[in-house]
PDB file of N, CA and C in Angstrom:
ATOM      1  N   VAL A   1       0.762  -1.449  -0.338  1.00  0.00           N
ATOM      2  CA  VAL A   1       0.287  -0.137   0.086  1.00  0.00           C
ATOM      3  C   VAL A   1       0.703   1.436  -0.192  1.00  0.00           C
ATOM      4  N   GLN A   2       0.463   2.396  -0.689  1.00  0.00           N
ATOM      5  CA  GLN A   2       1.549   3.359  -0.731  1.00  0.00           C
ATOM      6  C   GLN A   2       1.081   4.277   0.384  1.00  0.00           C
ATOM      7  N   GLU A   3       1.954   5.092   0.638  1.00  0.00           N
ATOM      8  CA  GLU A   3       1.258   5.959   1.953  1.00  0.00           C
ATOM      9  C   GLU A   3       0.597   6.831   1.307  1.00  0.00           C
ATOM     10  N   ASP A   4       0.127   7.449  -0.106  1.00  0.00           N
ATOM     11  CA  ASP A   4      -0.847   8.324   0.109  1.00  0.00           C
ATOM     12  C   ASP A   4      -2.382   7.989   0.274  1.00  0.00           C
ATOM     13  N   CYS A   5      -2.358   6.459  -0.013  1.00  0.00           N
ATOM     14  CA  CYS A   5      -3.804   5.577  -0.601  1.00  0.00           C
ATOM     15  C   CYS A   5      -4.666   5.595   0.550  1.00  0.00           C
ATOM     16  N   VAL A   6      -5.933   5.403   0.259  1.00  0.00           N
ATOM     17  CA  VAL A   6      -7.118   5.956   1.229  1.00  0.00           C
ATOM     18  C   VAL A   6      -8.016   4.946   0.984  1.00  0.00           C
ATOM     19  N   SER A   7      -8.072   4.297   1.977  1.00  0.00           N
ATOM     20  CA  SER A   7      -9.336   2.708   2.089  1.00  0.00           C
ATOM     21  C   SER A   7     -10.637   3.017   2.930  1.00  0.00           C
ATOM     22  N   TYR A   8     -11.488   2.724   2.100  1.00  0.00           N
ATOM     23  CA  TYR A   8     -12.569   2.511   2.621  1.00  0.00           C
ATOM     24  C   TYR A   8     -13.356   1.193   2.205  1.00  0.00           C
ATOM     25  N   ALA A   9     -14.144   0.589   3.556  1.00  0.00           N
ATOM     26  CA  ALA A   9     -14.681  -0.453   3.617  1.00  0.00           C
ATOM     27  C   ALA A   9     -16.019  -0.912   3.435  1.00  0.00           C
ATOM     28  N   VAL A  10     -16.769  -1.481   2.643  1.00  0.00           N
ATOM     29  CA  VAL A  10     -18.704  -1.348   2.807  1.00  0.00           C
ATOM     30  C   VAL A  10     -18.944  -2.310   3.749  1.00  0.00           C
ATOM     31  N   SER A  11     -20.200  -2.346   4.304  1.00  0.00           N
ATOM     32  CA  SER A  11     -20.942  -3.602   4.863  1.00  0.00           C
ATOM     33  C   SER A  11     -22.063  -3.085   4.952  1.00  0.00           C
ATOM     34  N   LEU A  12     -22.832  -3.833   4.181  1.00  0.00           N
ATOM     35  CA  LEU A  12     -24.418  -3.671   4.195  1.00  0.00           C
ATOM     36  C   LEU A  12     -25.184  -5.312   5.048  1.00  0.00           C
ATOM     37  N   GLU A  13     -26.807  -5.040   5.243  1.00  0.00           N
ATOM     38  CA  GLU A  13     -27.161  -6.009   6.159  1.00  0.00           C
ATOM     39  C   GLU A  13     -28.354  -6.213   5.219  1.00  0.00           C
ATOM     40  N   ALA A  14     -28.517  -7.383   4.506  1.00  0.00           N
ATOM     41  CA  ALA A  14     -29.910  -7.899   4.128  1.00  0.00           C
ATOM     42  C   ALA A  14     -30.689  -8.827   5.252  1.00  0.00           C
ATOM     43  N   ALA A  15     -31.869  -9.081   4.847  1.00  0.00           N
ATOM     44  CA  ALA A  15     -32.839  -9.778   5.735  1.00  0.00           C
ATOM     45  C   ALA A  15     -32.356 -11.132   5.025  1.00  0.00           C
ATOM     46  N   THR A  16     -32.045 -11.696   4.092  1.00  0.00           N
ATOM     47  CA  THR A  16     -31.831 -12.658   3.587  1.00  0.00           C
ATOM     48  C   THR A  16     -30.605 -13.201   2.617  1.00  0.00           C
ATOM     49  N   ALA A  17     -30.556 -13.481   2.330  1.00  0.00           N
ATOM     50  CA  ALA A  17     -29.417 -14.398   1.162  1.00  0.00           C
ATOM     51  C   ALA A  17     -29.486 -13.978   0.357  1.00  0.00           C
ATOM     52  N   GLU A  18     -31.029 -14.161  -0.120  1.00  0.00           N
ATOM     53  CA  GLU A  18     -31.521 -13.773  -1.721  1.00  0.00           C
ATOM     54  C   GLU A  18     -31.356 -12.613  -1.927  1.00  0.00           C
ATOM     55  N   ASP A  19     -32.108 -11.923  -0.659  1.00  0.00           N
ATOM     56  CA  ASP A  19     -32.022 -10.402  -0.645  1.00  0.00           C
ATOM     57  C   ASP A  19     -30.835  -9.984  -1.366  1.00  0.00           C
ATOM     58  N   ALA A  20     -29.575 -10.713  -0.620  1.00  0.00           N
ATOM     59  CA  ALA A  20     -28.425  -9.558  -0.322  1.00  0.00           C
ATOM     60  C   ALA A  20     -28.195 -10.241  -1.758  1.00  0.00           C
ATOM     61  N   VAL A  21     -28.337 -11.492  -2.559  1.00  0.00           N
ATOM     62  CA  VAL A  21     -27.883 -11.403  -4.023  1.00  0.00           C
ATOM     63  C   VAL A  21     -28.610 -10.707  -5.334  1.00  0.00           C
ATOM     64  N   GLU A  22     -29.654 -10.196  -4.758  1.00  0.00           N
ATOM     65  CA  GLU A  22     -30.565  -9.252  -5.656  1.00  0.00           C
ATOM     66  C   GLU A  22     -30.123  -8.391  -5.553  1.00  0.00           C
ATOM     67  N   TRP A  23     -29.695  -7.378  -4.795  1.00  0.00           N
ATOM     68  CA  TRP A  23     -29.231  -6.175  -4.127  1.00  0.00           C
ATOM     69  C   TRP A  23     -27.892  -6.035  -5.131  1.00  0.00           C
ATOM     70  N   HIS A  24     -27.675  -6.965  -4.819  1.00  0.00           N
ATOM     71  CA  HIS A  24     -25.513  -7.026  -5.507  1.00  0.00           C
ATOM     72  C   HIS A  24     -25.998  -6.841  -7.009  1.00  0.00           C
ATOM     73  N   ASP A  25     -26.773  -8.012  -7.448  1.00  0.00           N
ATOM     74  CA  ASP A  25     -26.742  -8.234  -8.943  1.00  0.00           C
ATOM     75  C   ASP A  25     -27.606  -7.082  -9.620  1.00  0.00           C
ATOM     76  N   ASN A  26     -28.268  -6.196  -8.657  1.00  0.00           N
ATOM     77  CA  ASN A  26     -28.840  -4.969  -9.780  1.00  0.00           C
ATOM     78  C   ASN A  26     -27.923  -3.853  -9.293  1.00  0.00           C
ATOM     79  N   ILE A  27     -28.922  -2.621  -7.748  1.00  0.00           N
ATOM     80  CA  ILE A  27     -28.959  -1.719  -7.323  1.00  0.00           C
ATOM     81  C   ILE A  27     -26.887  -1.689  -7.364  1.00  0.00           C
ATOM     82  N   GLY A  28     -26.610  -2.801  -6.745  1.00  0.00           N
ATOM     83  CA  GLY A  28     -25.011  -2.998  -6.478  1.00  0.00           C
ATOM     84  C   GLY A  28     -24.323  -2.770  -7.776  1.00  0.00           C
ATOM     85  N   ALA A  29     -24.327  -3.575  -8.880  1.00  0.00           N
ATOM     86  CA  ALA A  29     -23.790  -3.441  -9.948  1.00  0.00           C
ATOM     87  C   ALA A  29     -24.122  -2.245 -10.869  1.00  0.00           C
ATOM     88  N   ARG A  30     -25.301  -1.199 -10.420  1.00  0.00           N
ATOM     89  CA  ARG A  30     -25.156   0.215 -11.126  1.00  0.00           C
ATOM     90  C   ARG A  30     -24.216   1.247 -10.480  1.00  0.00           C
ATOM     91  N   LEU A  31     -24.509   1.067  -8.889  1.00  0.00           N
ATOM     92  CA  LEU A  31     -22.895   1.565  -8.245  1.00  0.00           C
ATOM     93  C   LEU A  31     -21.875   1.454  -8.306  1.00  0.00           C
ATOM     94  N   ARG A  32     -21.457  -0.023  -8.647  1.00  0.00           N
ATOM     95  CA  ARG A  32     -20.025  -0.080  -8.835  1.00  0.00           C
ATOM     96  C   ARG A  32     -19.524  -0.092 -10.002  1.00  0.00           C
ATOM     97  N   ALA A  33     -20.448   0.273 -10.885  1.00  0.00           N
ATOM     98  CA  ALA A  33     -20.286   1.045 -13.028  1.00  0.00           C
ATOM     99  C   ALA A  33     -20.304   2.707 -12.419  1.00  0.00           C
ATOM    100  N   ILE A  34     -20.319   3.035 -11.521  1.00  0.00           N
ATOM    101  CA  ILE A  34     -20.904   4.884 -11.761  1.00  0.00           C
ATOM    102  C   ILE A  34     -19.144   4.864 -11.258  1.00  0.00           C
ATOM    103  N   LEU A  35     -18.748   3.947 -10.191  1.00  0.00           N
ATOM    104  CA  LEU A  35     -18.073   3.934  -9.472  1.00  0.00           C
ATOM    105  C   LEU A  35     -16.599   4.049 -10.270  1.00  0.00           C
ATOM    106  N   HIS A  36     -16.614   2.781 -10.874  1.00  0.00           N
ATOM    107  CA  HIS A  36     -15.614   2.191 -11.995  1.00  0.00           C
ATOM    108  C   HIS A  36     -15.020   3.830 -13.125  1.00  0.00           C
ATOM    109  N   GLN A  37     -16.228   4.242 -13.241  1.00  0.00           N
ATOM    110  CA  GLN A  37     -16.735   5.050 -14.194  1.00  0.00           C
ATOM    111  C   GLN A  37     -15.706   6.709 -13.637  1.00  0.00           C
ATOM    112  N   ARG A  38     -16.301   6.827 -12.860  1.00  0.00           N
ATOM    113  CA  ARG A  38     -15.453   7.485 -12.012  1.00  0.00           C
ATOM    114  C   ARG A  38     -13.709   7.787 -11.441  1.00  0.00           C
ATOM    115  N   PHE A  39     -13.494   6.204 -11.193  1.00  0.00           N
ATOM    116  CA  PHE A  39     -12.400   6.040 -10.285  1.00  0.00           C
ATOM    117  C   PHE A  39     -11.622   5.086 -11.307  1.00  0.00           C
ATOM    118  N   GLY A  40     -12.102   4.970 -12.209  1.00  0.00           N
ATOM    119  CA  GLY A  40     -10.433   3.838 -13.024  1.00  0.00           C
ATOM    120  C   GLY A  40     -10.273   2.824 -12.489  1.00  0.00           C
ATOM    121  N   GLU A  41      -9.397   2.357 -12.558  1.00  0.00           N
ATOM    122  CA  GLU A  41      -8.165   1.763 -12.043  1.00  0.00           C
ATOM    123  C   GLU A  41      -8.503   1.441 -10.269  1.00  0.00           C
ATOM    124  N   GLY A  42      -8.379   2.884  -9.906  1.00  0.00           N
ATOM    125  CA  GLY A  42      -8.185   3.364  -8.341  1.00  0.00           C
ATOM    126  C   GLY A  42      -9.203   2.457  -7.423  1.00  0.00           C
ATOM    127  N   VAL A  43     -10.111   1.935  -8.081  1.00  0.00           N
ATOM    128  CA  VAL A  43     -10.911   1.432  -6.991  1.00  0.00           C
ATOM    129  C   VAL A  43     -11.632  -0.213  -7.968  1.00  0.00           C
ATOM    130  N   VAL A  44     -11.346  -1.467  -6.311  1.00  0.00           N
ATOM    131  CA  VAL A  44     -11.407  -2.551  -7.051  1.00  0.00           C
ATOM    132  C   VAL A  44     -12.929  -3.334  -5.546  1.00  0.00           C
ATOM    133  N   PHE A  45     -13.847  -3.973  -6.503  1.00  0.00           N
ATOM    134  CA  PHE A  45     -14.847  -4.464  -5.941  1.00  0.00           C
ATOM    135  C   PHE A  45     -14.222  -5.984  -5.497  1.00  0.00           C
ATOM    136  N   PHE A  46     -15.054  -6.346  -4.090  1.00  0.00           N
ATOM    137  CA  PHE A  46     -15.138  -8.120  -3.942  1.00  0.00           C
ATOM    138  C   PHE A  46     -16.014  -8.091  -3.125  1.00  0.00           C
ATOM    139  N   THR A  47     -16.982  -9.073  -3.058  1.00  0.00           N
ATOM    140  CA  THR A  47     -17.550  -9.411  -2.504  1.00  0.00           C
ATOM    141  C   THR A  47     -17.987 -10.739  -1.443  1.00  0.00           C
ATOM    142  N   THR A  48     -18.034 -10.460  -0.522  1.00  0.00           N
ATOM    143  CA  THR A  48     -17.992 -11.847   0.172  1.00  0.00           C
ATOM    144  C   THR A  48     -19.682 -11.690   1.437  1.00  0.00           C
ATOM    145  N   TYR A  49     -19.621 -12.966   1.120  1.00  0.00           N
ATOM    146  CA  TYR A  49     -21.498 -12.768   1.945  1.00  0.00           C
ATOM    147  C   TYR A  49     -21.019 -14.107   2.803  1.00  0.00           C
ATOM    148  N   MET A  50     -21.839 -13.128   4.203  1.00  0.00           N
ATOM    149  CA  MET A  50     -21.450 -13.384   5.142  1.00  0.00           C
ATOM    150  C   MET A  50     -22.931 -14.095   6.310  1.00  0.00           C
ATOM    151  N   GLU A  51     -22.511 -14.517   7.223  1.00  0.00           N
ATOM    152  CA  GLU A  51     -23.964 -14.583   8.227  1.00  0.00           C
ATOM    153  C   GLU A  51     -23.112 -14.430   9.500  1.00  0.00           C
ATOM    154  N   ASN A  52     -24.574 -14.167  10.430  1.00  0.00           N
ATOM    155  CA  ASN A  52     -24.357 -13.445  11.215  1.00  0.00           C
ATOM    156  C   ASN A  52     -24.429 -14.810  12.229  1.00  0.00           C
ATOM    157  N   LEU A  53     -23.829 -15.054  12.829  1.00  0.00           N
ATOM    158  CA  LEU A  53     -23.782 -15.777  14.449  1.00  0.00           C
ATOM    159  C   LEU A  53     -24.491 -15.542  15.284  1.00  0.00           C
ATOM    160  N   SER A  54     -25.340 -15.858  16.075  1.00  0.00           N
ATOM    161  CA  SER A  54     -25.149 -15.949  17.623  1.00  0.00           C
ATOM    162  C   SER A  54     -23.681 -16.630  18.562  1.00  0.00           C
ATOM    163  N   LEU A  55     -23.409 -15.541  19.410  1.00  0.00           N
ATOM    164  CA  LEU A  55     -22.210 -16.555  20.426  1.00  0.00           C
ATOM    165  C   LEU A  55     -22.744 -16.596  21.762  1.00  0.00           C
ATOM    166  N   LYS A  56     -24.016 -16.954  21.763  1.00  0.00           N
ATOM    167  CA  LYS A  56     -24.591 -17.179  23.389  1.00  0.00           C
ATOM    168  C   LYS A  56     -23.409 -17.871  24.490  1.00  0.00           C
TER     169      LYS A  56
END
């Protein structure tokens, strides 16, 4: 990582895994396209679907 590098992470929650995939494939895809158009190769996308588990 370069000294002048700025990093952001975004975490979103969905009611179901299906809702998360639907958002990712539609609204998320449009948002990624806008960010890529604005920042070009300066932005990297990755998706990790995770589940919240209770630690009782």
